[in-house]
Amino acid sequence: MDPESTPIVHPGISLNLTKPGYERCFVIESEYSQENDPLTIVQKYFPPKWHFIPSDPKKNRQFYELILMDTMSIILTHIFHPNDPSNFSHSKCTIKKVITLQEWGEHPSKLWEFSTPFEPQFLNYWDYKEAWFNTFYLQNKQLDHC
């Protein structure tokens, strides 16, 4: 790593970054507009154990994770608790590439088939773009990982 790209760490200074804008997740319907607790609101919208509103119930987080892995866009490893192998403690992700629409080749709605069996078996460029958000909505049993 060259000196110009080496991160500078200052003790006591947070490395959290604030986005200059906002991302709209979903519109809150009028019957829930008086609710102030974000957890209560998302529980009314998200399916159980989901952390986003699916466009298709078969397109779960694993679907989107497979997209990024099958296209060789990322290498993703989930690290499990030594005392509880059914629960992960954290994940490691290496971004290898981001496929542009030009690299996708044909029309963005053209269907591509996964190299491994999965239902649904096909994806398009719009699914690929959604994968960059939905893959990382991941929580362990303690809800302390995302």
N, C-alpha and C. Protein backbone atom coordinates (compact mmCIF):
# COMPACT_ATOMS: atom_id res chain seq x y z
N MET A 1 0.85 -1.17 0.00
CA MET A 1 0.00 0.00 0.00
C MET A 1 0.89 1.23 0.00
N ASP A 2 0.65 2.16 -0.91
CA ASP A 2 1.49 3.34 -0.94
C ASP A 2 1.08 4.31 0.16
N PRO A 3 1.99 5.21 0.57
CA PRO A 3 1.69 6.11 1.69
C PRO A 3 0.47 6.98 1.47
N GLU A 4 0.17 7.35 0.22
CA GLU A 4 -0.98 8.22 -0.03
C GLU A 4 -2.31 7.51 0.21
N SER A 5 -2.35 6.17 0.09
CA SER A 5 -3.61 5.46 0.27
C SER A 5 -3.73 4.84 1.66
N THR A 6 -2.72 5.01 2.51
CA THR A 6 -2.77 4.46 3.86
C THR A 6 -3.71 5.30 4.70
N PRO A 7 -4.71 4.67 5.33
CA PRO A 7 -5.63 5.46 6.16
C PRO A 7 -4.91 6.02 7.39
N ILE A 8 -5.27 7.22 7.76
CA ILE A 8 -4.71 7.85 8.96
C ILE A 8 -5.71 7.65 10.09
N VAL A 9 -5.24 7.08 11.19
CA VAL A 9 -6.10 6.81 12.33
C VAL A 9 -5.72 7.76 13.45
N HIS A 10 -6.71 8.46 13.98
CA HIS A 10 -6.51 9.37 15.10
C HIS A 10 -7.28 8.83 16.30
N PRO A 11 -6.60 8.55 17.41
CA PRO A 11 -7.32 8.03 18.59
C PRO A 11 -8.43 8.98 19.03
N GLY A 12 -9.57 8.41 19.34
CA GLY A 12 -10.69 9.20 19.83
C GLY A 12 -11.53 9.86 18.75
N ILE A 13 -11.14 9.73 17.49
CA ILE A 13 -11.91 10.33 16.40
C ILE A 13 -12.65 9.23 15.66
N SER A 14 -13.94 9.40 15.53
CA SER A 14 -14.77 8.40 14.86
C SER A 14 -14.48 8.37 13.37
N LEU A 15 -14.47 7.16 12.81
CA LEU A 15 -14.28 7.00 11.37
C LEU A 15 -15.62 6.87 10.65
N ASN A 16 -16.72 7.11 11.35
CA ASN A 16 -18.03 7.06 10.71
C ASN A 16 -18.17 8.24 9.76
N LEU A 17 -18.72 7.97 8.61
CA LEU A 17 -18.93 9.00 7.61
C LEU A 17 -20.41 9.32 7.51
N THR A 18 -20.73 10.57 7.29
CA THR A 18 -22.11 10.98 7.10
C THR A 18 -22.34 11.21 5.62
N LYS A 19 -23.40 10.60 5.11
CA LYS A 19 -23.74 10.80 3.70
C LYS A 19 -24.28 12.21 3.50
N PRO A 20 -23.97 12.82 2.36
CA PRO A 20 -24.48 14.16 2.11
C PRO A 20 -25.97 14.19 1.77
N GLY A 21 -26.56 13.05 1.50
CA GLY A 21 -27.98 13.00 1.15
C GLY A 21 -28.66 11.84 1.84
N TYR A 22 -29.90 11.59 1.47
CA TYR A 22 -30.68 10.52 2.07
C TYR A 22 -31.14 9.55 1.01
N GLU A 23 -31.37 8.33 1.41
CA GLU A 23 -31.90 7.29 0.54
C GLU A 23 -33.31 6.97 1.03
N ARG A 24 -34.29 7.06 0.15
CA ARG A 24 -35.65 6.72 0.54
C ARG A 24 -35.78 5.21 0.55
N CYS A 25 -36.11 4.64 1.71
CA CYS A 25 -36.28 3.19 1.83
C CYS A 25 -37.67 2.77 1.38
N PHE A 26 -38.68 3.46 1.88
CA PHE A 26 -40.05 3.19 1.49
C PHE A 26 -40.92 4.32 2.03
N VAL A 27 -42.11 4.43 1.49
CA VAL A 27 -43.06 5.46 1.93
C VAL A 27 -43.90 4.87 3.05
N ILE A 28 -44.04 5.62 4.13
CA ILE A 28 -44.86 5.18 5.26
C ILE A 28 -46.31 5.57 4.98
N GLU A 29 -47.16 4.58 4.98
CA GLU A 29 -48.59 4.80 4.73
C GLU A 29 -49.21 5.63 5.85
N SER A 30 -50.29 6.34 5.55
CA SER A 30 -50.90 7.26 6.51
C SER A 30 -51.33 6.58 7.81
N GLU A 31 -51.77 5.31 7.73
CA GLU A 31 -52.20 4.64 8.96
C GLU A 31 -51.05 4.37 9.94
N TYR A 32 -49.81 4.46 9.47
CA TYR A 32 -48.65 4.26 10.35
C TYR A 32 -47.87 5.55 10.57
N SER A 33 -48.35 6.66 10.05
CA SER A 33 -47.58 7.91 10.09
C SER A 33 -47.40 8.48 11.50
N GLN A 34 -48.24 8.07 12.45
CA GLN A 34 -48.11 8.57 13.81
C GLN A 34 -47.10 7.76 14.63
N GLU A 35 -46.66 6.64 14.10
CA GLU A 35 -45.70 5.78 14.80
C GLU A 35 -44.32 6.42 14.78
N ASN A 36 -43.67 6.48 15.94
CA ASN A 36 -42.36 7.12 16.04
C ASN A 36 -41.21 6.13 16.17
N ASP A 37 -41.51 4.88 16.50
CA ASP A 37 -40.46 3.89 16.72
C ASP A 37 -40.09 3.22 15.39
N PRO A 38 -38.86 3.40 14.90
CA PRO A 38 -38.48 2.81 13.62
C PRO A 38 -38.63 1.29 13.59
N LEU A 39 -38.31 0.60 14.68
CA LEU A 39 -38.42 -0.86 14.71
C LEU A 39 -39.88 -1.29 14.53
N THR A 40 -40.80 -0.61 15.18
CA THR A 40 -42.22 -0.93 15.03
C THR A 40 -42.67 -0.70 13.59
N ILE A 41 -42.20 0.37 12.99
CA ILE A 41 -42.58 0.66 11.60
C ILE A 41 -42.09 -0.43 10.66
N VAL A 42 -40.81 -0.80 10.75
CA VAL A 42 -40.30 -1.81 9.83
C VAL A 42 -40.93 -3.18 10.07
N GLN A 43 -41.31 -3.47 11.30
CA GLN A 43 -41.98 -4.75 11.57
C GLN A 43 -43.33 -4.82 10.88
N LYS A 44 -43.95 -3.68 10.63
CA LYS A 44 -45.23 -3.66 9.93
C LYS A 44 -45.05 -3.83 8.41
N TYR A 45 -43.87 -3.56 7.89
CA TYR A 45 -43.61 -3.60 6.45
C TYR A 45 -42.76 -4.78 6.00
N PHE A 46 -41.69 -5.07 6.74
CA PHE A 46 -40.76 -6.12 6.32
C PHE A 46 -41.29 -7.49 6.69
N PRO A 47 -41.11 -8.49 5.82
CA PRO A 47 -41.46 -9.85 6.21
C PRO A 47 -40.60 -10.28 7.41
N PRO A 48 -41.06 -11.23 8.23
CA PRO A 48 -40.26 -11.68 9.37
C PRO A 48 -38.86 -12.13 8.94
N LYS A 49 -37.87 -11.68 9.68
CA LYS A 49 -36.45 -12.00 9.46
C LYS A 49 -35.88 -11.40 8.17
N TRP A 50 -36.56 -10.42 7.61
CA TRP A 50 -36.06 -9.69 6.44
C TRP A 50 -35.68 -8.29 6.89
N HIS A 51 -34.78 -7.65 6.15
CA HIS A 51 -34.37 -6.29 6.48
C HIS A 51 -34.55 -5.35 5.29
N PHE A 52 -35.46 -5.73 4.40
CA PHE A 52 -35.86 -4.88 3.28
C PHE A 52 -37.21 -5.39 2.77
N ILE A 53 -37.88 -4.57 1.97
CA ILE A 53 -39.16 -4.96 1.38
C ILE A 53 -38.85 -5.63 0.04
N PRO A 54 -39.19 -6.90 -0.10
CA PRO A 54 -38.85 -7.60 -1.35
C PRO A 54 -39.79 -7.22 -2.50
N SER A 55 -39.22 -7.17 -3.70
CA SER A 55 -40.05 -6.99 -4.89
C SER A 55 -40.71 -8.32 -5.27
N ASP A 56 -40.10 -9.41 -4.81
CA ASP A 56 -40.59 -10.76 -5.07
C ASP A 56 -40.18 -11.60 -3.86
N PRO A 57 -41.10 -12.33 -3.23
CA PRO A 57 -40.75 -13.10 -2.03
C PRO A 57 -39.66 -14.15 -2.25
N LYS A 58 -39.43 -14.54 -3.50
CA LYS A 58 -38.36 -15.51 -3.77
C LYS A 58 -37.00 -14.83 -3.88
N LYS A 59 -37.01 -13.52 -4.01
CA LYS A 59 -35.75 -12.78 -4.13
C LYS A 59 -35.33 -12.31 -2.73
N ASN A 60 -34.87 -13.28 -1.96
CA ASN A 60 -34.45 -12.99 -0.59
C ASN A 60 -32.98 -12.54 -0.56
N ARG A 61 -32.47 -12.32 0.63
CA ARG A 61 -31.09 -11.86 0.77
C ARG A 61 -30.10 -12.84 0.16
N GLN A 62 -30.38 -14.14 0.29
CA GLN A 62 -29.49 -15.16 -0.28
C GLN A 62 -29.46 -15.08 -1.81
N PHE A 63 -30.59 -14.76 -2.42
CA PHE A 63 -30.66 -14.56 -3.87
C PHE A 63 -29.69 -13.46 -4.29
N TYR A 64 -29.75 -12.33 -3.58
CA TYR A 64 -28.89 -11.21 -3.93
C TYR A 64 -27.42 -11.50 -3.63
N GLU A 65 -27.16 -12.21 -2.54
CA GLU A 65 -25.78 -12.60 -2.23
C GLU A 65 -25.23 -13.50 -3.34
N LEU A 66 -26.04 -14.44 -3.80
CA LEU A 66 -25.60 -15.34 -4.87
C LEU A 66 -25.31 -14.56 -6.16
N ILE A 67 -26.08 -13.54 -6.44
CA ILE A 67 -25.82 -12.72 -7.63
C ILE A 67 -24.40 -12.16 -7.58
N LEU A 68 -24.04 -11.55 -6.46
CA LEU A 68 -22.71 -10.92 -6.38
C LEU A 68 -21.59 -11.96 -6.37
N MET A 69 -21.85 -13.11 -5.79
CA MET A 69 -20.82 -14.15 -5.77
C MET A 69 -20.73 -14.85 -7.13
N ASP A 70 -21.87 -15.13 -7.76
CA ASP A 70 -21.89 -15.84 -9.03
C ASP A 70 -21.31 -15.00 -10.17
N THR A 71 -21.45 -13.69 -10.08
CA THR A 71 -20.86 -12.80 -11.08
C THR A 71 -19.41 -12.47 -10.75
N MET A 72 -18.91 -13.07 -9.68
CA MET A 72 -17.54 -12.85 -9.20
C MET A 72 -17.28 -11.37 -8.89
N SER A 73 -18.33 -10.69 -8.43
CA SER A 73 -18.21 -9.30 -8.03
C SER A 73 -17.64 -9.17 -6.63
N ILE A 74 -17.92 -10.17 -5.78
CA ILE A 74 -17.41 -10.14 -4.40
C ILE A 74 -16.93 -11.53 -3.99
N ILE A 75 -16.11 -11.54 -2.95
CA ILE A 75 -15.80 -12.75 -2.19
C ILE A 75 -16.36 -12.48 -0.81
N LEU A 76 -17.25 -13.33 -0.34
CA LEU A 76 -17.93 -13.12 0.94
C LEU A 76 -17.76 -14.34 1.82
N THR A 77 -17.34 -14.10 3.05
CA THR A 77 -17.17 -15.18 4.02
C THR A 77 -17.90 -14.80 5.30
N HIS A 78 -18.76 -15.67 5.78
CA HIS A 78 -19.43 -15.46 7.06
C HIS A 78 -18.64 -16.21 8.13
N ILE A 79 -18.31 -15.53 9.20
CA ILE A 79 -17.53 -16.10 10.30
C ILE A 79 -18.51 -16.46 11.42
N PHE A 80 -18.49 -17.72 11.84
CA PHE A 80 -19.45 -18.21 12.83
C PHE A 80 -18.85 -18.19 14.24
N HIS A 81 -19.73 -18.03 15.24
CA HIS A 81 -19.31 -18.06 16.64
C HIS A 81 -18.74 -19.44 16.97
N PRO A 82 -17.61 -19.50 17.66
CA PRO A 82 -17.05 -20.81 18.02
C PRO A 82 -17.96 -21.59 18.97
N ASN A 83 -18.71 -20.89 19.82
CA ASN A 83 -19.59 -21.56 20.78
C ASN A 83 -20.97 -21.87 20.22
N ASP A 84 -21.31 -21.27 19.08
CA ASP A 84 -22.62 -21.48 18.46
C ASP A 84 -22.46 -21.48 16.95
N PRO A 85 -22.14 -22.65 16.35
CA PRO A 85 -21.90 -22.71 14.91
C PRO A 85 -23.10 -22.36 14.05
N SER A 86 -24.30 -22.25 14.63
CA SER A 86 -25.47 -21.87 13.85
C SER A 86 -25.63 -20.35 13.77
N ASN A 87 -24.75 -19.61 14.45
CA ASN A 87 -24.86 -18.16 14.53
C ASN A 87 -23.54 -17.53 14.10
N PHE A 88 -23.59 -16.56 13.21
CA PHE A 88 -22.36 -15.93 12.77
C PHE A 88 -22.08 -14.68 13.59
N SER A 89 -20.81 -14.37 13.72
CA SER A 89 -20.42 -13.18 14.48
C SER A 89 -20.16 -11.99 13.57
N HIS A 90 -19.61 -12.26 12.39
CA HIS A 90 -19.33 -11.18 11.45
C HIS A 90 -19.08 -11.77 10.06
N SER A 91 -18.93 -10.89 9.10
CA SER A 91 -18.67 -11.31 7.73
C SER A 91 -17.50 -10.53 7.17
N LYS A 92 -16.84 -11.11 6.20
CA LYS A 92 -15.75 -10.45 5.50
C LYS A 92 -16.11 -10.41 4.02
N CYS A 93 -16.06 -9.22 3.44
CA CYS A 93 -16.41 -9.06 2.03
C CYS A 93 -15.29 -8.33 1.31
N THR A 94 -14.87 -8.89 0.19
CA THR A 94 -13.90 -8.25 -0.68
C THR A 94 -14.60 -7.95 -2.00
N ILE A 95 -14.63 -6.68 -2.38
CA ILE A 95 -15.23 -6.29 -3.65
C ILE A 95 -14.19 -6.49 -4.74
N LYS A 96 -14.52 -7.31 -5.72
CA LYS A 96 -13.60 -7.62 -6.82
C LYS A 96 -13.89 -6.77 -8.05
N LYS A 97 -15.18 -6.54 -8.33
CA LYS A 97 -15.54 -5.73 -9.50
C LYS A 97 -17.00 -5.30 -9.37
N VAL A 98 -17.34 -4.26 -10.10
CA VAL A 98 -18.72 -3.80 -10.23
C VAL A 98 -19.01 -3.78 -11.73
N ILE A 99 -20.02 -4.53 -12.12
CA ILE A 99 -20.36 -4.65 -13.54
C ILE A 99 -21.23 -3.47 -13.95
N THR A 100 -20.80 -2.76 -14.99
CA THR A 100 -21.58 -1.64 -15.51
C THR A 100 -22.61 -2.17 -16.51
N LEU A 101 -23.55 -1.31 -16.85
CA LEU A 101 -24.55 -1.69 -17.85
C LEU A 101 -23.88 -2.02 -19.18
N GLN A 102 -22.86 -1.28 -19.54
CA GLN A 102 -22.13 -1.55 -20.78
C GLN A 102 -21.47 -2.94 -20.73
N GLU A 103 -20.90 -3.29 -19.58
CA GLU A 103 -20.27 -4.61 -19.44
C GLU A 103 -21.30 -5.73 -19.41
N TRP A 104 -22.51 -5.43 -18.92
CA TRP A 104 -23.59 -6.43 -18.89
C TRP A 104 -23.87 -6.92 -20.30
N GLY A 105 -23.70 -5.99 -21.25
CA GLY A 105 -23.77 -6.39 -22.65
C GLY A 105 -25.07 -6.01 -23.32
N GLU A 106 -26.09 -6.78 -23.10
CA GLU A 106 -27.33 -6.57 -23.84
C GLU A 106 -28.29 -5.72 -23.02
N HIS A 107 -29.54 -5.81 -23.32
CA HIS A 107 -30.58 -5.06 -22.62
C HIS A 107 -30.54 -5.39 -21.13
N PRO A 108 -30.74 -4.41 -20.23
CA PRO A 108 -30.66 -4.68 -18.80
C PRO A 108 -31.69 -5.69 -18.30
N SER A 109 -32.77 -5.88 -19.04
CA SER A 109 -33.78 -6.86 -18.62
C SER A 109 -33.49 -8.27 -19.13
N LYS A 110 -32.42 -8.42 -19.90
CA LYS A 110 -32.05 -9.75 -20.39
C LYS A 110 -31.75 -10.66 -19.20
N LEU A 111 -32.31 -11.85 -19.23
CA LEU A 111 -32.14 -12.79 -18.13
C LEU A 111 -30.86 -13.60 -18.28
N TRP A 112 -30.14 -13.73 -17.18
CA TRP A 112 -28.96 -14.57 -17.10
C TRP A 112 -29.24 -15.66 -16.09
N GLU A 113 -28.69 -16.83 -16.29
CA GLU A 113 -28.94 -17.98 -15.43
C GLU A 113 -27.81 -18.15 -14.43
N PHE A 114 -28.19 -18.46 -13.18
CA PHE A 114 -27.18 -18.77 -12.17
C PHE A 114 -26.42 -20.03 -12.57
N SER A 115 -25.17 -20.13 -12.13
CA SER A 115 -24.36 -21.32 -12.43
C SER A 115 -24.68 -22.47 -11.48
N THR A 116 -25.44 -22.19 -10.44
CA THR A 116 -25.83 -23.20 -9.46
C THR A 116 -27.35 -23.17 -9.30
N PRO A 117 -27.99 -24.28 -8.97
CA PRO A 117 -29.46 -24.26 -8.81
C PRO A 117 -29.91 -23.30 -7.71
N PHE A 118 -30.88 -22.50 -8.03
CA PHE A 118 -31.49 -21.57 -7.07
C PHE A 118 -32.85 -21.19 -7.62
N GLU A 119 -33.79 -20.90 -6.76
CA GLU A 119 -35.12 -20.47 -7.17
C GLU A 119 -35.35 -19.05 -6.67
N PRO A 120 -35.47 -18.06 -7.53
CA PRO A 120 -35.52 -18.13 -8.99
C PRO A 120 -34.14 -18.39 -9.59
N GLN A 121 -34.13 -18.98 -10.74
CA GLN A 121 -32.89 -19.42 -11.40
C GLN A 121 -32.27 -18.31 -12.26
N PHE A 122 -33.02 -17.23 -12.51
CA PHE A 122 -32.55 -16.20 -13.44
C PHE A 122 -32.47 -14.84 -12.76
N LEU A 123 -31.60 -13.99 -13.30
CA LEU A 123 -31.44 -12.63 -12.80
C LEU A 123 -31.25 -11.70 -13.99
N ASN A 124 -31.49 -10.42 -13.76
CA ASN A 124 -31.20 -9.42 -14.79
C ASN A 124 -30.34 -8.32 -14.17
N TYR A 125 -30.03 -7.31 -14.96
CA TYR A 125 -29.14 -6.25 -14.48
C TYR A 125 -29.76 -5.48 -13.31
N TRP A 126 -31.09 -5.33 -13.32
CA TRP A 126 -31.75 -4.62 -12.22
C TRP A 126 -31.59 -5.40 -10.92
N ASP A 127 -31.65 -6.73 -10.99
CA ASP A 127 -31.39 -7.56 -9.81
C ASP A 127 -29.95 -7.36 -9.34
N TYR A 128 -29.03 -7.31 -10.30
CA TYR A 128 -27.61 -7.11 -9.96
C TYR A 128 -27.43 -5.80 -9.19
N LYS A 129 -28.06 -4.73 -9.66
CA LYS A 129 -27.95 -3.44 -8.97
C LYS A 129 -28.54 -3.51 -7.57
N GLU A 130 -29.70 -4.15 -7.43
CA GLU A 130 -30.33 -4.30 -6.11
C GLU A 130 -29.46 -5.13 -5.17
N ALA A 131 -28.70 -6.05 -5.72
CA ALA A 131 -27.85 -6.92 -4.90
C ALA A 131 -26.84 -6.11 -4.09
N TRP A 132 -26.39 -4.99 -4.61
CA TRP A 132 -25.41 -4.18 -3.89
C TRP A 132 -26.00 -3.55 -2.63
N PHE A 133 -27.31 -3.51 -2.52
CA PHE A 133 -27.95 -3.05 -1.29
C PHE A 133 -28.40 -4.24 -0.45
N ASN A 134 -29.16 -5.13 -1.05
CA ASN A 134 -29.86 -6.17 -0.30
C ASN A 134 -28.97 -7.29 0.22
N THR A 135 -27.81 -7.49 -0.36
CA THR A 135 -26.89 -8.52 0.13
C THR A 135 -26.44 -8.21 1.55
N PHE A 136 -26.29 -6.97 1.87
CA PHE A 136 -25.67 -6.58 3.13
C PHE A 136 -26.67 -6.30 4.26
N TYR A 137 -27.95 -6.55 4.01
CA TYR A 137 -28.95 -6.46 5.08
C TYR A 137 -28.97 -7.78 5.81
N LEU A 138 -28.00 -7.97 6.68
CA LEU A 138 -27.79 -9.26 7.33
C LEU A 138 -27.65 -9.04 8.83
N GLN A 139 -28.36 -9.83 9.60
CA GLN A 139 -28.28 -9.73 11.06
C GLN A 139 -28.10 -11.12 11.65
N ASN A 140 -27.34 -11.19 12.75
CA ASN A 140 -27.25 -12.46 13.46
C ASN A 140 -28.34 -12.51 14.53
N LYS A 141 -28.32 -13.56 15.36
CA LYS A 141 -29.39 -13.74 16.35
C LYS A 141 -29.46 -12.60 17.36
N GLN A 142 -28.33 -11.96 17.63
CA GLN A 142 -28.31 -10.85 18.60
C GLN A 142 -28.62 -9.50 17.94
N LEU A 143 -28.85 -9.53 16.63
CA LEU A 143 -29.12 -8.31 15.86
C LEU A 143 -28.00 -7.28 16.02
N ASP A 144 -26.75 -7.76 16.08
CA ASP A 144 -25.63 -6.84 16.23
C ASP A 144 -24.65 -6.93 15.07
N HIS A 145 -25.13 -7.35 13.91
CA HIS A 145 -24.26 -7.49 12.74
C HIS A 145 -25.03 -7.05 11.50
N CYS A 146 -24.45 -6.19 10.74
CA CYS A 146 -25.05 -5.85 9.45
C CYS A 146 -23.98 -5.34 8.52
